[in-house]
Amino acid sequence: MIGMLTETSTLFVRVVRSEISGLSGELTGLCGEMTVEIGGLRAEMNARFETVNQRLDYLDRDVQALTKHVFGEQS
């Protein structure tokens, strides 16, 4: 009876350990996927910010040209 109880508990512990190892590997994979997704999002955001920055530079240039045209050159 004690031998059967020992064998059952040993097998149960092995099953639990293997399930935990599988879960750990799955979580590691998900963490890697999230890192890749965040890197892609960061690159996309930087590209969009650069586009907005360029548009603001053009707007600044146009406002300066209009100001010079309306108020004339000031030295």
PDB file of N, CA and C in Angstrom:
ATOM      1  N   MET A   1       0.820  -1.188   0.000  1.00  0.00           N
ATOM      2  CA  MET A   1       0.000   0.000   0.000  1.00  0.00           C
ATOM      3  C   MET A   1       0.871   1.260   0.000  1.00  0.00           C
ATOM      4  N   ILE A   2       1.913   1.292   0.848  1.00  0.00           N
ATOM      5  CA  ILE A   2       2.807   2.451   0.909  1.00  0.00           C
ATOM      6  C   ILE A   2       3.576   2.589  -0.401  1.00  0.00           C
ATOM      7  N   GLY A   3       3.991   1.464  -0.991  1.00  0.00           N
ATOM      8  CA  GLY A   3       4.710   1.503  -2.268  1.00  0.00           C
ATOM      9  C   GLY A   3       3.837   2.061  -3.376  1.00  0.00           C
ATOM     10  N   MET A   4       2.555   1.709  -3.402  1.00  0.00           N
ATOM     11  CA  MET A   4       1.638   2.232  -4.414  1.00  0.00           C
ATOM     12  C   MET A   4       1.420   3.728  -4.215  1.00  0.00           C
ATOM     13  N   LEU A   5       1.292   4.160  -2.982  1.00  0.00           N
ATOM     14  CA  LEU A   5       1.133   5.574  -2.676  1.00  0.00           C
ATOM     15  C   LEU A   5       2.378   6.364  -3.084  1.00  0.00           C
ATOM     16  N   THR A   6       3.560   5.816  -2.829  1.00  0.00           N
ATOM     17  CA  THR A   6       4.817   6.455  -3.219  1.00  0.00           C
ATOM     18  C   THR A   6       4.920   6.564  -4.732  1.00  0.00           C
ATOM     19  N   GLU A   7       4.607   5.489  -5.433  1.00  0.00           N
ATOM     20  CA  GLU A   7       4.676   5.492  -6.896  1.00  0.00           C
ATOM     21  C   GLU A   7       3.692   6.495  -7.492  1.00  0.00           C
ATOM     22  N   THR A   8       2.492   6.552  -6.962  1.00  0.00           N
ATOM     23  CA  THR A   8       1.478   7.488  -7.457  1.00  0.00           C
ATOM     24  C   THR A   8       1.915   8.930  -7.228  1.00  0.00           C
ATOM     25  N   SER A   9       2.413   9.223  -6.054  1.00  0.00           N
ATOM     26  CA  SER A   9       2.845  10.597  -5.782  1.00  0.00           C
ATOM     27  C   SER A   9       4.063  10.973  -6.620  1.00  0.00           C
ATOM     28  N   THR A  10       4.972  10.036  -6.872  1.00  0.00           N
ATOM     29  CA  THR A  10       6.139  10.303  -7.714  1.00  0.00           C
ATOM     30  C   THR A  10       5.706  10.611  -9.144  1.00  0.00           C
ATOM     31  N   LEU A  11       4.789   9.819  -9.673  1.00  0.00           N
ATOM     32  CA  LEU A  11       4.293  10.072 -11.027  1.00  0.00           C
ATOM     33  C   LEU A  11       3.557  11.402 -11.113  1.00  0.00           C
ATOM     34  N   PHE A  12       2.795  11.721 -10.071  1.00  0.00           N
ATOM     35  CA  PHE A  12       2.080  13.000 -10.047  1.00  0.00           C
ATOM     36  C   PHE A  12       3.047  14.178 -10.067  1.00  0.00           C
ATOM     37  N   VAL A  13       4.111  14.092  -9.279  1.00  0.00           N
ATOM     38  CA  VAL A  13       5.116  15.162  -9.246  1.00  0.00           C
ATOM     39  C   VAL A  13       5.788  15.302 -10.610  1.00  0.00           C
ATOM     40  N   ARG A  14       6.077  14.205 -11.290  1.00  0.00           N
ATOM     41  CA  ARG A  14       6.691  14.264 -12.621  1.00  0.00           C
ATOM     42  C   ARG A  14       5.772  14.949 -13.623  1.00  0.00           C
ATOM     43  N   VAL A  15       4.498  14.611 -13.567  1.00  0.00           N
ATOM     44  CA  VAL A  15       3.528  15.223 -14.485  1.00  0.00           C
ATOM     45  C   VAL A  15       3.445  16.726 -14.229  1.00  0.00           C
ATOM     46  N   VAL A  16       3.382  17.114 -12.981  1.00  0.00           N
ATOM     47  CA  VAL A  16       3.289  18.542 -12.643  1.00  0.00           C
ATOM     48  C   VAL A  16       4.546  19.273 -13.113  1.00  0.00           C
ATOM     49  N   ARG A  17       5.708  18.690 -12.905  1.00  0.00           N
ATOM     50  CA  ARG A  17       6.963  19.328 -13.339  1.00  0.00           C
ATOM     51  C   ARG A  17       7.005  19.482 -14.853  1.00  0.00           C
ATOM     52  N   SER A  18       6.569  18.462 -15.573  1.00  0.00           N
ATOM     53  CA  SER A  18       6.602  18.558 -17.040  1.00  0.00           C
ATOM     54  C   SER A  18       5.613  19.608 -17.538  1.00  0.00           C
ATOM     55  N   GLU A  19       4.460  19.718 -16.897  1.00  0.00           N
ATOM     56  CA  GLU A  19       3.483  20.739 -17.281  1.00  0.00           C
ATOM     57  C   GLU A  19       4.023  22.139 -16.998  1.00  0.00           C
ATOM     58  N   ILE A  20       4.673  22.311 -15.872  1.00  0.00           N
ATOM     59  CA  ILE A  20       5.260  23.615 -15.537  1.00  0.00           C
ATOM     60  C   ILE A  20       6.372  23.968 -16.519  1.00  0.00           C
ATOM     61  N   SER A  21       7.178  22.996 -16.905  1.00  0.00           N
ATOM     62  CA  SER A  21       8.240  23.252 -17.882  1.00  0.00           C
ATOM     63  C   SER A  21       7.656  23.662 -19.223  1.00  0.00           C
ATOM     64  N   GLY A  22       6.579  22.989 -19.640  1.00  0.00           N
ATOM     65  CA  GLY A  22       5.924  23.354 -20.893  1.00  0.00           C
ATOM     66  C   GLY A  22       5.340  24.748 -20.841  1.00  0.00           C
ATOM     67  N   LEU A  23       4.739  25.100 -19.725  1.00  0.00           N
ATOM     68  CA  LEU A  23       4.174  26.432 -19.555  1.00  0.00           C
ATOM     69  C   LEU A  23       5.271  27.492 -19.565  1.00  0.00           C
ATOM     70  N   SER A  24       6.391  27.191 -18.937  1.00  0.00           N
ATOM     71  CA  SER A  24       7.516  28.123 -18.923  1.00  0.00           C
ATOM     72  C   SER A  24       8.037  28.378 -20.335  1.00  0.00           C
ATOM     73  N   GLY A  25       8.155  27.320 -21.128  1.00  0.00           N
ATOM     74  CA  GLY A  25       8.598  27.486 -22.513  1.00  0.00           C
ATOM     75  C   GLY A  25       7.610  28.292 -23.335  1.00  0.00           C
ATOM     76  N   GLU A  26       6.324  28.067 -23.096  1.00  0.00           N
ATOM     77  CA  GLU A  26       5.297  28.812 -23.819  1.00  0.00           C
ATOM     78  C   GLU A  26       5.336  30.300 -23.455  1.00  0.00           C
ATOM     79  N   LEU A  27       5.514  30.591 -22.176  1.00  0.00           N
ATOM     80  CA  LEU A  27       5.598  31.989 -21.744  1.00  0.00           C
ATOM     81  C   LEU A  27       6.840  32.678 -22.311  1.00  0.00           C
ATOM     82  N   THR A  28       7.944  31.949 -22.395  1.00  0.00           N
ATOM     83  CA  THR A  28       9.158  32.504 -22.978  1.00  0.00           C
ATOM     84  C   THR A  28       8.930  32.846 -24.447  1.00  0.00           C
ATOM     85  N   GLY A  29       8.243  31.973 -25.170  1.00  0.00           N
ATOM     86  CA  GLY A  29       7.928  32.238 -26.571  1.00  0.00           C
ATOM     87  C   GLY A  29       7.036  33.444 -26.731  1.00  0.00           C
ATOM     88  N   LEU A  30       6.020  33.564 -25.867  1.00  0.00           N
ATOM     89  CA  LEU A  30       5.122  34.719 -25.929  1.00  0.00           C
ATOM     90  C   LEU A  30       5.866  36.014 -25.617  1.00  0.00           C
ATOM     91  N   CYS A  31       6.797  35.946 -24.680  1.00  0.00           N
ATOM     92  CA  CYS A  31       7.589  37.131 -24.337  1.00  0.00           C
ATOM     93  C   CYS A  31       8.428  37.567 -25.529  1.00  0.00           C
ATOM     94  N   GLY A  32       9.003  36.610 -26.246  1.00  0.00           N
ATOM     95  CA  GLY A  32       9.775  36.935 -27.442  1.00  0.00           C
ATOM     96  C   GLY A  32       8.912  37.547 -28.523  1.00  0.00           C
ATOM     97  N   GLU A  33       7.705  37.020 -28.717  1.00  0.00           N
ATOM     98  CA  GLU A  33       6.783  37.583 -29.708  1.00  0.00           C
ATOM     99  C   GLU A  33       6.390  39.003 -29.337  1.00  0.00           C
ATOM    100  N   MET A  34       6.145  39.246 -28.058  1.00  0.00           N
ATOM    101  CA  MET A  34       5.777  40.592 -27.629  1.00  0.00           C
ATOM    102  C   MET A  34       6.923  41.573 -27.854  1.00  0.00           C
ATOM    103  N   THR A  35       8.141  41.132 -27.619  1.00  0.00           N
ATOM    104  CA  THR A  35       9.298  41.993 -27.843  1.00  0.00           C
ATOM    105  C   THR A  35       9.396  42.388 -29.310  1.00  0.00           C
ATOM    106  N   VAL A  36       9.151  41.430 -30.195  1.00  0.00           N
ATOM    107  CA  VAL A  36       9.191  41.718 -31.636  1.00  0.00           C
ATOM    108  C   VAL A  36       8.075  42.682 -32.017  1.00  0.00           C
ATOM    109  N   GLU A  37       6.879  42.467 -31.485  1.00  0.00           N
ATOM    110  CA  GLU A  37       5.742  43.340 -31.801  1.00  0.00           C
ATOM    111  C   GLU A  37       6.000  44.765 -31.297  1.00  0.00           C
ATOM    112  N   ILE A  38       6.549  44.890 -30.099  1.00  0.00           N
ATOM    113  CA  ILE A  38       6.835  46.217 -29.550  1.00  0.00           C
ATOM    114  C   ILE A  38       7.913  46.914 -30.379  1.00  0.00           C
ATOM    115  N   GLY A  39       8.905  46.158 -30.831  1.00  0.00           N
ATOM    116  CA  GLY A  39       9.944  46.742 -31.688  1.00  0.00           C
ATOM    117  C   GLY A  39       9.359  47.247 -33.002  1.00  0.00           C
ATOM    118  N   GLY A  40       8.447  46.484 -33.584  1.00  0.00           N
ATOM    119  CA  GLY A  40       7.792  46.918 -34.818  1.00  0.00           C
ATOM    120  C   GLY A  40       6.948  48.153 -34.594  1.00  0.00           C
ATOM    121  N   LEU A  41       6.228  48.171 -33.473  1.00  0.00           N
ATOM    122  CA  LEU A  41       5.408  49.340 -33.150  1.00  0.00           C
ATOM    123  C   LEU A  41       6.281  50.569 -32.932  1.00  0.00           C
ATOM    124  N   ARG A  42       7.410  50.381 -32.281  1.00  0.00           N
ATOM    125  CA  ARG A  42       8.328  51.501 -32.040  1.00  0.00           C
ATOM    126  C   ARG A  42       8.846  52.075 -33.363  1.00  0.00           C
ATOM    127  N   ALA A  43       9.199  51.200 -34.289  1.00  0.00           N
ATOM    128  CA  ALA A  43       9.692  51.659 -35.592  1.00  0.00           C
ATOM    129  C   ALA A  43       8.608  52.410 -36.346  1.00  0.00           C
ATOM    130  N   GLU A  44       7.372  51.901 -36.293  1.00  0.00           N
ATOM    131  CA  GLU A  44       6.266  52.571 -36.982  1.00  0.00           C
ATOM    132  C   GLU A  44       5.979  53.943 -36.369  1.00  0.00           C
ATOM    133  N   MET A  45       6.009  54.005 -35.042  1.00  0.00           N
ATOM    134  CA  MET A  45       5.765  55.287 -34.371  1.00  0.00           C
ATOM    135  C   MET A  45       6.867  56.292 -34.698  1.00  0.00           C
ATOM    136  N   ASN A  46       8.115  55.854 -34.707  1.00  0.00           N
ATOM    137  CA  ASN A  46       9.214  56.757 -35.041  1.00  0.00           C
ATOM    138  C   ASN A  46       9.083  57.279 -36.459  1.00  0.00           C
ATOM    139  N   ALA A  47       8.657  56.421 -37.393  1.00  0.00           N
ATOM    140  CA  ALA A  47       8.469  56.859 -38.779  1.00  0.00           C
ATOM    141  C   ALA A  47       7.365  57.902 -38.864  1.00  0.00           C
ATOM    142  N   ARG A  48       6.274  57.683 -38.141  1.00  0.00           N
ATOM    143  CA  ARG A  48       5.171  58.650 -38.170  1.00  0.00           C
ATOM    144  C   ARG A  48       5.565  59.964 -37.495  1.00  0.00           C
ATOM    145  N   PHE A  49       6.291  59.887 -36.394  1.00  0.00           N
ATOM    146  CA  PHE A  49       6.750  61.117 -35.743  1.00  0.00           C
ATOM    147  C   PHE A  49       7.682  61.903 -36.666  1.00  0.00           C
ATOM    148  N   GLU A  50       8.518  61.200 -37.403  1.00  0.00           N
ATOM    149  CA  GLU A  50       9.416  61.870 -38.350  1.00  0.00           C
ATOM    150  C   GLU A  50       8.619  62.574 -39.442  1.00  0.00           C
ATOM    151  N   THR A  51       7.545  61.942 -39.911  1.00  0.00           N
ATOM    152  CA  THR A  51       6.690  62.559 -40.922  1.00  0.00           C
ATOM    153  C   THR A  51       6.039  63.821 -40.379  1.00  0.00           C
ATOM    154  N   VAL A  52       5.523  63.746 -39.145  1.00  0.00           N
ATOM    155  CA  VAL A  52       4.900  64.922 -38.529  1.00  0.00           C
ATOM    156  C   VAL A  52       5.939  66.025 -38.333  1.00  0.00           C
ATOM    157  N   ASN A  53       7.129  65.659 -37.902  1.00  0.00           N
ATOM    158  CA  ASN A  53       8.196  66.635 -37.706  1.00  0.00           C
ATOM    159  C   ASN A  53       8.546  67.331 -39.016  1.00  0.00           C
ATOM    160  N   GLN A  54       8.600  66.570 -40.098  1.00  0.00           N
ATOM    161  CA  GLN A  54       8.900  67.148 -41.408  1.00  0.00           C
ATOM    162  C   GLN A  54       7.796  68.110 -41.840  1.00  0.00           C
ATOM    163  N   ARG A  55       6.555  67.740 -41.606  1.00  0.00           N
ATOM    164  CA  ARG A  55       5.438  68.622 -41.957  1.00  0.00           C
ATOM    165  C   ARG A  55       5.485  69.914 -41.148  1.00  0.00           C
ATOM    166  N   LEU A  56       5.839  69.793 -39.866  1.00  0.00           N
ATOM    167  CA  LEU A  56       5.953  71.003 -39.040  1.00  0.00           C
ATOM    168  C   LEU A  56       7.090  71.895 -39.538  1.00  0.00           C
ATOM    169  N   ASP A  57       8.181  71.294 -39.997  1.00  0.00           N
ATOM    170  CA  ASP A  57       9.271  72.089 -40.559  1.00  0.00           C
ATOM    171  C   ASP A  57       8.809  72.842 -41.797  1.00  0.00           C
ATOM    172  N   TYR A  58       8.050  72.166 -42.653  1.00  0.00           N
ATOM    173  CA  TYR A  58       7.518  72.838 -43.848  1.00  0.00           C
ATOM    174  C   TYR A  58       6.555  73.950 -43.465  1.00  0.00           C
ATOM    175  N   LEU A  59       5.718  73.695 -42.460  1.00  0.00           N
ATOM    176  CA  LEU A  59       4.777  74.714 -42.003  1.00  0.00           C
ATOM    177  C   LEU A  59       5.524  75.917 -41.442  1.00  0.00           C
ATOM    178  N   ASP A  60       6.566  75.683 -40.687  1.00  0.00           N
ATOM    179  CA  ASP A  60       7.372  76.759 -40.125  1.00  0.00           C
ATOM    180  C   ASP A  60       8.004  77.586 -41.240  1.00  0.00           C
ATOM    181  N   ARG A  61       8.523  76.902 -42.252  1.00  0.00           N
ATOM    182  CA  ARG A  61       9.123  77.598 -43.390  1.00  0.00           C
ATOM    183  C   ARG A  61       8.081  78.448 -44.115  1.00  0.00           C
ATOM    184  N   ASP A  62       6.870  77.914 -44.307  1.00  0.00           N
ATOM    185  CA  ASP A  62       5.816  78.650 -45.002  1.00  0.00           C
ATOM    186  C   ASP A  62       5.356  79.856 -44.197  1.00  0.00           C
ATOM    187  N   VAL A  63       5.242  79.701 -42.872  1.00  0.00           N
ATOM    188  CA  VAL A  63       4.835  80.823 -42.023  1.00  0.00           C
ATOM    189  C   VAL A  63       5.898  81.918 -42.047  1.00  0.00           C
ATOM    190  N   GLN A  64       7.165  81.539 -42.032  1.00  0.00           N
ATOM    191  CA  GLN A  64       8.227  82.549 -42.114  1.00  0.00           C
ATOM    192  C   GLN A  64       8.181  83.277 -43.452  1.00  0.00           C
ATOM    193  N   ALA A  65       7.932  82.574 -44.531  1.00  0.00           N
ATOM    194  CA  ALA A  65       7.842  83.207 -45.848  1.00  0.00           C
ATOM    195  C   ALA A  65       6.656  84.157 -45.909  1.00  0.00           C
ATOM    196  N   LEU A  66       5.510  83.755 -45.363  1.00  0.00           N
ATOM    197  CA  LEU A  66       4.339  84.643 -45.346  1.00  0.00           C
ATOM    198  C   LEU A  66       4.587  85.874 -44.487  1.00  0.00           C
ATOM    199  N   THR A  67       5.249  85.678 -43.350  1.00  0.00           N
ATOM    200  CA  THR A  67       5.551  86.806 -42.466  1.00  0.00           C
ATOM    201  C   THR A  67       6.465  87.795 -43.168  1.00  0.00           C
ATOM    202  N   LYS A  68       7.478  87.305 -43.861  1.00  0.00           N
ATOM    203  CA  LYS A  68       8.380  88.193 -44.594  1.00  0.00           C
ATOM    204  C   LYS A  68       7.635  88.911 -45.714  1.00  0.00           C
ATOM    205  N   HIS A  69       6.707  88.200 -46.357  1.00  0.00           N
ATOM    206  CA  HIS A  69       5.955  88.808 -47.456  1.00  0.00           C
ATOM    207  C   HIS A  69       5.020  89.892 -46.941  1.00  0.00           C
ATOM    208  N   VAL A  70       4.351  89.636 -45.830  1.00  0.00           N
ATOM    209  CA  VAL A  70       3.362  90.602 -45.307  1.00  0.00           C
ATOM    210  C   VAL A  70       4.051  91.771 -44.616  1.00  0.00           C
ATOM    211  N   PHE A  71       5.039  91.495 -43.796  1.00  0.00           N
ATOM    212  CA  PHE A  71       5.643  92.566 -43.006  1.00  0.00           C
ATOM    213  C   PHE A  71       6.937  93.077 -43.609  1.00  0.00           C
ATOM    214  N   GLY A  72       7.438  92.436 -44.614  1.00  0.00           N
ATOM    215  CA  GLY A  72       8.666  92.863 -45.241  1.00  0.00           C
ATOM    216  C   GLY A  72       9.884  92.418 -44.460  1.00  0.00           C
ATOM    217  N   GLU A  73      11.025  92.590 -45.080  1.00  0.00           N
ATOM    218  CA  GLU A  73      12.294  92.212 -44.445  1.00  0.00           C
ATOM    219  C   GLU A  73      12.616  93.184 -43.335  1.00  0.00           C
ATOM    220  N   GLN A  74      12.979  92.656 -42.186  1.00  0.00           N
ATOM    221  CA  GLN A  74      13.403  93.521 -41.083  1.00  0.00           C
ATOM    222  C   GLN A  74      14.853  93.208 -40.770  1.00  0.00           C
ATOM    223  N   SER A  75      15.669  94.229 -40.719  1.00  0.00           N
ATOM    224  CA  SER A  75      17.093  94.020 -40.459  1.00  0.00           C
ATOM    225  C   SER A  75      17.445  94.365 -39.052  1.00  0.00           C
TER     226      SER A  75
END
